[in-house]
Amino acid sequence: MTASITPAMPNNASTGAGLALYVHWPFCVSKCPYCDFNSHVRAAVDEAAWRDALLADLAHEAALLPGRRLTSIFFGGGTPSLMAPTTVAALIGAARGHWAVADGLEVTLEANPNSVEAARFADLAAAGVNRLSLGLQSFDDSALAFLGRAHSAREGLAALDIAQAHFERVSFDLIYALPGDGESGWARSLERAIALGTGHLSLYQLTIEPGTRFAAMAARGELEPLDGDRAAALFELTAERTAAAGIPAYEISNHARRGAESRHNLTYWRYGDYAGIGPGAHGRRLGRRTMRHRKPENFLTAVARGGHGLAEDAPLLASEAADEALVMGLRLAEGIDAEALAMRFGVADVVDWRAVGRLVASGHLTRKRGRIAATPRGRLVLDRLLGEIAYCAPVEAL
């Protein structure tokens, strides 16, 4: 791959262009052993101080992005359902004040299903949240205990009932391919998940991430991950059963009925602009990548000192942006328009078309003119596939 020294052109930066907002709440009741997200356990949280800091961080981003049209807000974490609904309302109200708002603004909040948090759902809906993403993770108490979750299966289902009564749209997460998982057990879980009637499911295979407690256990021989062939069989089963139920995979791990896709996450995968605020939050706007200070205390100090929590605000090179857009876009069932991406970033190509041809012939990719997409077979080996086709040469170098 030839590296470009050309900065990526500001993307979607015109007046009225769409913009997504991500808000990171870093606090959790406990740290799950599989989690490598920026989450922290604290004995107490000064809610007023955090509300003021997040509002200041938001105002900083808004000043850099005037005239944009807000398409979605996503409260992630951590456990954002631990936020006071008044804090959530303040942030939604401020965002609506900073930018024009698209019709059907999607406002998602991630929640854990402990009964204490579920009791807040009505207030969160009144605050402006219209889509809830619920971390059920499993219907089995032993699996939940293994995953370090603080709720039971019964609590999870009760929280889902409450969520469906209060929010226009509800999604929930399940984690599968745990050690010892088999096709019959996972098939039963899928049937139950589909029968619960939500329009969106996030179904993630357990991965052992560096730096997590599970990684330490695996290194000591105390945890043996499911072998690759069995995990692949479960992935294929997931795709088959959800598609048959009318909730096909529109992304590697996300399944939805038509029209129920996460608009916010589609902004990421289609490589649109988004502002990220809060500890450790990433953003991408105006041809630049941003990252906030990860540690909560450092974030608060930075906001108090400079009015924002930025730790990094750097230009994206055209080659970097093109490669990232390729990687993100091929996660989607719709794939990418490789020719349009090359024009967008001012590079000659984003893929090696000879490699694409070989992978079309082998059944790993499809191609319709300039649009390419991974087949179900290709999605099983997506990382390797990307390594074969990625190519980005600057126009001026040819």
Protein backbone atom coordinates (compact mmCIF):
# COMPACT_ATOMS: atom_id res chain seq x y z
CA MET A 1 0.00 0.00 0.00
CA THR A 2 1.32 3.44 -0.90
CA ALA A 3 0.91 5.96 1.90
CA SER A 4 -0.48 9.37 1.04
CA ILE A 5 0.73 12.51 2.73
CA THR A 6 -2.40 14.30 1.55
CA PRO A 7 -4.80 15.16 4.39
CA ALA A 8 -8.23 13.67 4.04
CA MET A 9 -10.71 16.15 2.68
CA PRO A 10 -13.29 17.36 5.21
CA ASN A 11 -16.16 14.94 4.78
CA ASN A 12 -19.83 15.91 4.91
CA ALA A 13 -18.77 19.36 6.15
CA SER A 14 -21.21 21.50 4.20
CA THR A 15 -23.93 23.50 5.91
CA GLY A 16 -26.80 21.24 6.83
CA ALA A 17 -24.79 18.03 6.40
CA GLY A 18 -25.55 15.20 8.80
CA LEU A 19 -23.72 14.79 12.08
CA ALA A 20 -23.96 12.11 14.79
CA LEU A 21 -23.13 12.71 18.46
CA TYR A 22 -21.63 10.14 20.82
CA VAL A 23 -21.69 10.75 24.59
CA HIS A 24 -19.53 8.49 26.78
CA TRP A 25 -20.48 7.80 30.40
CA PRO A 26 -17.52 5.88 31.84
CA PHE A 27 -18.94 4.49 35.08
CA CYS A 28 -20.11 0.95 35.87
CA VAL A 29 -21.26 -0.89 38.97
CA SER A 30 -18.55 -3.51 38.30
CA LYS A 31 -16.06 -4.37 35.57
CA CYS A 32 -17.06 -7.35 33.44
CA PRO A 33 -14.19 -9.83 32.83
CA TYR A 34 -14.55 -9.68 29.02
CA CYS A 35 -14.81 -5.88 28.76
CA ASP A 36 -12.03 -3.77 27.26
CA PHE A 37 -14.14 -0.61 26.98
CA ASN A 38 -13.23 2.57 28.82
CA SER A 39 -15.24 1.79 31.95
CA HIS A 40 -14.46 2.56 35.58
CA VAL A 41 -15.89 1.68 38.98
CA ARG A 42 -16.12 4.58 41.44
CA ALA A 43 -17.61 4.66 44.94
CA ALA A 44 -19.35 7.96 44.20
CA VAL A 45 -19.96 10.19 41.17
CA ASP A 46 -20.53 13.95 41.37
CA GLU A 47 -23.42 14.09 38.92
CA ALA A 48 -23.56 17.91 38.77
CA ALA A 49 -19.84 18.16 38.01
CA TRP A 50 -20.13 15.58 35.26
CA ARG A 51 -23.17 17.26 33.76
CA ASP A 52 -21.31 20.58 33.57
CA ALA A 53 -18.18 18.96 32.12
CA LEU A 54 -20.06 17.07 29.41
CA LEU A 55 -22.04 20.18 28.48
CA ALA A 56 -18.79 22.15 28.16
CA ASP A 57 -17.21 19.41 26.04
CA LEU A 58 -20.31 19.39 23.83
CA ALA A 59 -20.20 23.18 23.42
CA HIS A 60 -16.58 22.94 22.26
CA GLU A 61 -17.50 20.49 19.49
CA ALA A 62 -20.56 22.50 18.50
CA ALA A 63 -18.45 25.65 18.06
CA LEU A 64 -16.28 23.75 15.55
CA LEU A 65 -19.28 22.35 13.66
CA PRO A 66 -21.75 25.19 13.06
CA GLY A 67 -24.70 24.73 10.76
CA ARG A 68 -24.76 20.95 10.87
CA ARG A 69 -27.88 18.78 11.04
CA LEU A 70 -27.99 16.39 14.01
CA THR A 71 -29.12 12.91 12.91
CA SER A 72 -28.51 10.81 16.04
CA ILE A 73 -27.31 10.85 19.64
CA PHE A 74 -25.86 7.77 21.30
CA PHE A 75 -25.19 7.48 25.04
CA GLY A 76 -22.62 4.71 25.48
CA GLY A 77 -20.33 3.51 28.21
CA GLY A 78 -19.69 2.32 30.75
CA THR A 79 -23.26 2.15 31.87
CA PRO A 80 -25.12 5.30 30.78
CA SER A 81 -28.36 4.09 32.36
CA LEU A 82 -26.65 5.03 35.63
CA MET A 83 -26.82 8.68 34.55
CA ALA A 84 -29.49 10.81 36.16
CA PRO A 85 -32.32 11.36 33.65
CA THR A 86 -31.92 15.10 34.28
CA THR A 87 -28.34 14.87 32.97
CA VAL A 88 -29.51 12.98 29.90
CA ALA A 89 -32.22 15.58 29.31
CA ALA A 90 -29.73 18.44 29.69
CA LEU A 91 -27.38 16.95 27.09
CA ILE A 92 -30.18 16.22 24.61
CA GLY A 93 -31.55 19.73 25.06
CA ALA A 94 -28.12 21.30 24.59
CA ALA A 95 -27.46 19.27 21.44
CA ARG A 96 -30.82 20.34 20.02
CA GLY A 97 -29.88 23.94 20.79
CA HIS A 98 -26.48 23.72 19.11
CA TRP A 99 -27.65 22.17 15.83
CA ALA A 100 -30.65 21.83 13.60
CA VAL A 101 -32.30 18.46 14.15
CA ALA A 102 -33.12 15.91 11.46
CA ASP A 103 -36.62 14.51 11.21
CA GLY A 104 -36.86 11.37 13.31
CA LEU A 105 -33.80 12.13 15.44
CA GLU A 106 -32.61 8.83 16.90
CA VAL A 107 -31.56 9.02 20.56
CA THR A 108 -30.13 5.74 21.86
CA LEU A 109 -29.04 4.91 25.39
CA GLU A 110 -27.28 1.73 26.48
CA ALA A 111 -28.71 0.17 29.64
CA ASN A 112 -28.05 -2.72 31.95
CA PRO A 113 -31.12 -4.55 33.18
CA ASN A 114 -30.72 -4.35 36.96
CA SER A 115 -34.04 -3.48 38.50
CA VAL A 116 -32.68 -0.17 39.88
CA GLU A 117 -31.82 1.02 36.39
CA ALA A 118 -34.99 -0.37 34.82
CA ALA A 119 -37.01 1.80 37.18
CA ARG A 120 -35.48 4.83 35.47
CA PHE A 121 -36.72 3.90 32.01
CA ALA A 122 -39.84 6.03 32.13
CA ASP A 123 -37.82 9.10 33.14
CA LEU A 124 -35.21 8.42 30.45
CA ALA A 125 -37.97 8.22 27.83
CA ALA A 126 -39.39 11.51 29.11
CA ALA A 127 -35.88 13.01 28.85
CA GLY A 128 -35.89 12.33 25.09
CA VAL A 129 -34.42 8.86 24.67
CA ASN A 130 -36.41 7.00 22.00
CA ARG A 131 -34.24 3.91 21.48
CA LEU A 132 -32.88 1.66 24.22
CA SER A 133 -30.04 -0.84 23.77
CA LEU A 134 -30.32 -3.37 26.59
CA GLY A 135 -27.39 -5.54 27.67
CA LEU A 136 -29.18 -8.82 28.38
CA GLN A 137 -26.12 -10.87 27.24
CA SER A 138 -27.74 -14.24 28.04
CA PHE A 139 -30.96 -15.97 29.10
CA ASP A 140 -29.01 -18.36 31.32
CA ASP A 141 -28.02 -17.53 34.90
CA SER A 142 -24.85 -19.63 34.81
CA ALA A 143 -23.68 -17.87 31.65
CA LEU A 144 -24.46 -14.49 33.21
CA ALA A 145 -22.40 -15.43 36.26
CA PHE A 146 -19.50 -16.51 34.01
CA LEU A 147 -19.73 -13.16 32.19
CA GLY A 148 -19.67 -11.27 35.48
CA ARG A 149 -23.05 -9.68 34.94
CA ALA A 150 -24.89 -8.08 37.88
CA HIS A 151 -28.38 -9.21 36.84
CA SER A 152 -30.24 -12.50 36.59
CA ALA A 153 -32.02 -13.82 33.52
CA ARG A 154 -35.37 -13.07 35.18
CA GLU A 155 -34.33 -9.47 35.86
CA GLY A 156 -33.21 -9.12 32.27
CA LEU A 157 -36.54 -10.23 30.84
CA ALA A 158 -38.43 -8.00 33.27
CA ALA A 159 -36.29 -5.03 32.21
CA LEU A 160 -36.99 -5.83 28.56
CA ASP A 161 -40.75 -5.77 29.24
CA ILE A 162 -40.40 -2.34 30.88
CA ALA A 163 -38.23 -1.06 28.02
CA GLN A 164 -40.72 -2.18 25.38
CA ALA A 165 -43.47 -0.36 27.27
CA HIS A 166 -41.58 2.96 27.34
CA PHE A 167 -39.41 3.24 24.22
CA GLU A 168 -40.34 3.45 20.56
CA ARG A 169 -37.46 1.19 19.59
CA VAL A 170 -35.63 -1.46 21.64
CA SER A 171 -32.56 -3.56 20.87
CA PHE A 172 -30.82 -6.06 23.09
CA ASP A 173 -27.40 -7.72 23.14
CA LEU A 174 -26.53 -11.38 23.53
CA ILE A 175 -23.05 -12.88 23.78
CA TYR A 176 -22.49 -16.36 22.36
CA ALA A 177 -19.63 -18.74 21.56
CA LEU A 178 -18.80 -19.07 25.23
CA PRO A 179 -16.62 -22.03 26.24
CA GLY A 180 -18.69 -25.18 25.81
CA ASP A 181 -21.43 -23.56 23.69
CA GLY A 182 -23.05 -25.84 21.11
CA GLU A 183 -25.43 -25.39 18.20
CA SER A 184 -28.54 -26.80 19.90
CA GLY A 185 -28.28 -24.53 22.94
CA TRP A 186 -27.55 -21.43 20.89
CA ALA A 187 -30.40 -22.27 18.50
CA ARG A 188 -32.80 -22.30 21.45
CA SER A 189 -31.47 -18.92 22.61
CA LEU A 190 -31.93 -17.50 19.12
CA GLU A 191 -35.52 -18.76 18.95
CA ARG A 192 -36.24 -17.14 22.30
CA ALA A 193 -34.58 -13.88 21.28
CA ILE A 194 -36.54 -13.66 18.05
CA ALA A 195 -39.80 -14.44 19.84
CA LEU A 196 -39.35 -11.47 22.17
CA GLY A 197 -40.34 -9.18 19.32
CA THR A 198 -37.71 -6.47 19.17
CA GLY A 199 -36.77 -5.09 15.77
CA HIS A 200 -33.03 -5.16 16.41
CA LEU A 201 -30.62 -7.71 17.89
CA SER A 202 -26.88 -7.31 18.55
CA LEU A 203 -25.36 -10.81 18.68
CA TYR A 204 -21.67 -10.86 19.58
CA GLN A 205 -19.25 -13.75 19.74
CA LEU A 206 -17.16 -13.77 22.91
CA THR A 207 -13.67 -12.53 22.14
CA ILE A 208 -10.76 -12.57 24.55
CA GLU A 209 -9.47 -9.00 24.51
CA PRO A 210 -5.96 -8.08 25.73
CA GLY A 211 -5.85 -6.56 29.18
CA THR A 212 -9.12 -8.11 30.36
CA ARG A 213 -9.56 -10.58 33.23
CA PHE A 214 -10.54 -13.24 30.69
CA ALA A 215 -7.24 -12.70 28.88
CA ALA A 216 -5.34 -13.26 32.13
CA MET A 217 -7.39 -16.39 32.83
CA ALA A 218 -6.72 -17.73 29.31
CA ALA A 219 -2.99 -17.09 29.73
CA ARG A 220 -3.01 -19.12 32.97
CA GLY A 221 -4.93 -21.96 31.31
CA GLU A 222 -8.05 -21.28 33.41
CA LEU A 223 -10.24 -20.47 30.39
CA GLU A 224 -10.27 -22.21 27.02
CA PRO A 225 -12.03 -20.22 24.28
CA LEU A 226 -14.37 -22.03 21.92
CA ASP A 227 -12.43 -23.39 18.95
CA GLY A 228 -12.65 -21.56 15.64
CA ASP A 229 -14.62 -24.18 13.72
CA ARG A 230 -17.36 -24.38 16.36
CA ALA A 231 -17.51 -20.60 16.62
CA ALA A 232 -17.84 -20.35 12.83
CA ALA A 233 -20.70 -22.87 12.87
CA LEU A 234 -22.52 -20.77 15.46
CA PHE A 235 -21.97 -17.64 13.36
CA GLU A 236 -23.47 -19.33 10.31
CA LEU A 237 -26.40 -20.62 12.36
CA THR A 238 -27.03 -17.09 13.63
CA ALA A 239 -27.14 -15.67 10.13
CA GLU A 240 -29.48 -18.40 8.89
CA ARG A 241 -31.98 -18.22 11.75
CA THR A 242 -32.20 -14.44 11.92
CA ALA A 243 -32.58 -14.11 8.15
CA ALA A 244 -35.37 -16.69 8.15
CA ALA A 245 -37.13 -14.68 10.87
CA GLY A 246 -36.94 -11.42 8.90
CA ILE A 247 -34.17 -9.94 11.06
CA PRO A 248 -31.16 -10.40 8.77
CA ALA A 249 -27.62 -9.30 9.53
CA TYR A 250 -27.08 -5.83 8.12
CA GLU A 251 -23.64 -5.76 9.79
CA ILE A 252 -21.35 -8.50 11.07
CA SER A 253 -22.97 -8.68 14.52
CA ASN A 254 -26.14 -6.59 14.12
CA HIS A 255 -29.49 -7.82 12.87
CA ALA A 256 -32.62 -5.80 12.17
CA ARG A 257 -35.99 -5.74 10.53
CA ARG A 258 -36.13 -3.36 7.58
CA GLY A 259 -36.08 0.21 8.90
CA ALA A 260 -34.99 -0.79 12.42
CA GLU A 261 -31.25 -0.52 11.80
CA SER A 262 -29.22 1.65 14.18
CA ARG A 263 -28.94 4.96 12.31
CA HIS A 264 -26.16 6.09 14.62
CA ASN A 265 -24.00 3.04 14.01
CA LEU A 266 -24.65 3.27 10.28
CA THR A 267 -22.97 6.68 10.44
CA TYR A 268 -19.82 4.96 11.74
CA TRP A 269 -19.91 2.15 9.22
CA ARG A 270 -20.66 4.46 6.28
CA TYR A 271 -17.82 6.70 7.44
CA GLY A 272 -19.88 9.77 8.21
CA ASP A 273 -18.93 12.56 10.57
CA TYR A 274 -19.55 12.18 14.29
CA ALA A 275 -18.56 14.19 17.35
CA GLY A 276 -17.51 12.26 20.44
CA ILE A 277 -17.57 13.73 23.95
CA GLY A 278 -16.83 12.30 27.39
CA PRO A 279 -13.86 10.27 28.72
CA GLY A 280 -12.14 8.22 26.05
CA ALA A 281 -14.69 9.13 23.38
CA HIS A 282 -13.49 9.00 19.80
CA GLY A 283 -14.76 11.29 17.07
CA ARG A 284 -14.28 11.92 13.37
CA ARG A 285 -15.18 15.26 11.87
CA LEU A 286 -13.85 17.75 9.32
CA GLY A 287 -11.23 15.28 8.09
CA ARG A 288 -9.78 14.88 11.59
CA ARG A 289 -9.80 12.17 14.25
CA THR A 290 -10.36 13.07 17.89
CA MET A 291 -9.99 11.30 21.20
CA ARG A 292 -10.80 12.51 24.71
CA HIS A 293 -8.75 11.79 27.85
CA ARG A 294 -9.61 8.27 29.00
CA LYS A 295 -9.31 8.48 32.77
CA PRO A 296 -12.36 10.25 34.24
CA GLU A 297 -10.32 12.43 36.58
CA ASN A 298 -7.98 13.51 33.77
CA PHE A 299 -10.97 14.34 31.60
CA LEU A 300 -12.48 16.58 34.28
CA THR A 301 -9.15 18.33 34.80
CA ALA A 302 -8.78 18.96 31.06
CA VAL A 303 -12.28 20.42 30.78
CA ALA A 304 -11.70 22.68 33.78
CA ARG A 305 -8.41 23.86 32.30
CA GLY A 306 -9.28 24.30 28.63
CA GLY A 307 -13.04 23.94 28.21
CA HIS A 308 -12.84 20.52 26.51
CA GLY A 309 -11.58 17.01 27.17
CA LEU A 310 -9.53 16.54 24.00
CA ALA A 311 -6.34 14.51 24.24
CA GLU A 312 -5.90 14.19 20.47
CA ASP A 313 -7.19 16.18 17.49
CA ALA A 314 -5.19 15.21 14.41
CA PRO A 315 -5.70 15.30 10.65
CA LEU A 316 -6.55 12.07 8.87
CA LEU A 317 -4.39 11.34 5.84
CA ALA A 318 -6.33 10.53 2.70
CA SER A 319 -4.90 7.01 2.65
CA GLU A 320 -5.85 6.46 6.30
CA ALA A 321 -9.39 7.69 5.78
CA ALA A 322 -9.85 5.57 2.65
CA ASP A 323 -8.58 2.44 4.42
CA GLU A 324 -10.80 3.06 7.43
CA ALA A 325 -13.83 3.60 5.22
CA LEU A 326 -13.08 0.31 3.47
CA VAL A 327 -12.70 -1.61 6.74
CA MET A 328 -15.85 -0.13 8.24
CA GLY A 329 -17.95 -0.38 5.10
CA LEU A 330 -17.25 -4.03 4.38
CA ARG A 331 -18.72 -4.91 7.78
CA LEU A 332 -22.08 -3.97 6.25
CA ALA A 333 -24.17 -6.34 4.15
CA GLU A 334 -24.58 -3.49 1.66
CA GLY A 335 -20.81 -3.27 1.23
CA ILE A 336 -19.07 -0.27 -0.28
CA ASP A 337 -18.95 1.69 -3.51
CA ALA A 338 -15.18 1.48 -3.94
CA GLU A 339 -15.10 3.88 -6.87
CA ALA A 340 -17.10 6.52 -4.98
CA LEU A 341 -14.79 6.18 -1.96
CA ALA A 342 -11.73 6.67 -4.14
CA MET A 343 -13.23 9.87 -5.55
CA ARG A 344 -14.28 11.06 -2.10
CA PHE A 345 -10.77 10.77 -0.64
CA GLY A 346 -8.82 11.71 -3.75
CA VAL A 347 -7.04 8.39 -4.17
CA ALA A 348 -6.70 6.24 -7.25
CA ASP A 349 -8.20 3.11 -5.69
CA VAL A 350 -9.22 1.80 -2.29
CA VAL A 351 -9.04 -1.86 -3.34
CA ASP A 352 -6.77 -4.08 -5.40
CA TRP A 353 -9.21 -5.02 -8.15
CA ARG A 354 -7.25 -8.14 -9.13
CA ALA A 355 -7.58 -9.42 -5.56
CA VAL A 356 -11.28 -8.51 -5.64
CA GLY A 357 -11.67 -10.57 -8.80
CA ARG A 358 -10.03 -13.60 -7.20
CA LEU A 359 -12.27 -13.32 -4.13
CA VAL A 360 -15.40 -12.94 -6.25
CA ALA A 361 -14.43 -16.14 -8.07
CA SER A 362 -13.84 -17.95 -4.76
CA GLY A 363 -17.23 -16.88 -3.41
CA HIS A 364 -15.95 -14.52 -0.71
CA LEU A 365 -17.06 -11.25 -2.36
CA THR A 366 -19.75 -10.03 -4.70
CA ARG A 367 -19.23 -7.21 -7.19
CA LYS A 368 -21.79 -5.14 -9.03
CA ARG A 369 -19.97 -2.48 -11.03
CA GLY A 370 -17.98 -0.50 -8.44
CA ARG A 371 -19.85 -1.87 -5.41
CA ILE A 372 -18.37 -4.81 -3.54
CA ALA A 373 -19.69 -6.70 -0.52
CA ALA A 374 -18.66 -9.71 1.54
CA THR A 375 -20.70 -12.88 1.14
CA PRO A 376 -21.65 -14.95 4.21
CA ARG A 377 -18.57 -17.04 3.48
CA GLY A 378 -16.45 -13.90 3.24
CA ARG A 379 -17.75 -12.48 6.51
CA LEU A 380 -16.31 -15.50 8.32
CA VAL A 381 -12.79 -14.41 7.31
CA LEU A 382 -13.32 -10.67 6.90
CA ASP A 383 -10.01 -9.59 8.46
CA ARG A 384 -8.01 -11.79 6.11
CA LEU A 385 -10.13 -10.68 3.17
CA LEU A 386 -9.46 -7.01 3.96
CA GLY A 387 -5.75 -7.70 4.14
CA GLU A 388 -5.86 -9.10 0.61
CA ILE A 389 -7.85 -6.36 -1.10
CA ALA A 390 -6.79 -3.15 0.69
CA TYR A 391 -4.98 -0.76 -1.62
CA CYS A 392 -4.81 3.00 -1.57
CA ALA A 393 -2.55 5.05 -3.84
CA PRO A 394 -2.76 8.88 -3.98
CA VAL A 395 -3.79 10.22 -7.37
CA GLU A 396 -0.85 12.61 -7.44
CA ALA A 397 1.63 9.71 -7.01
CA LEU A 398 0.55 7.89 -10.16
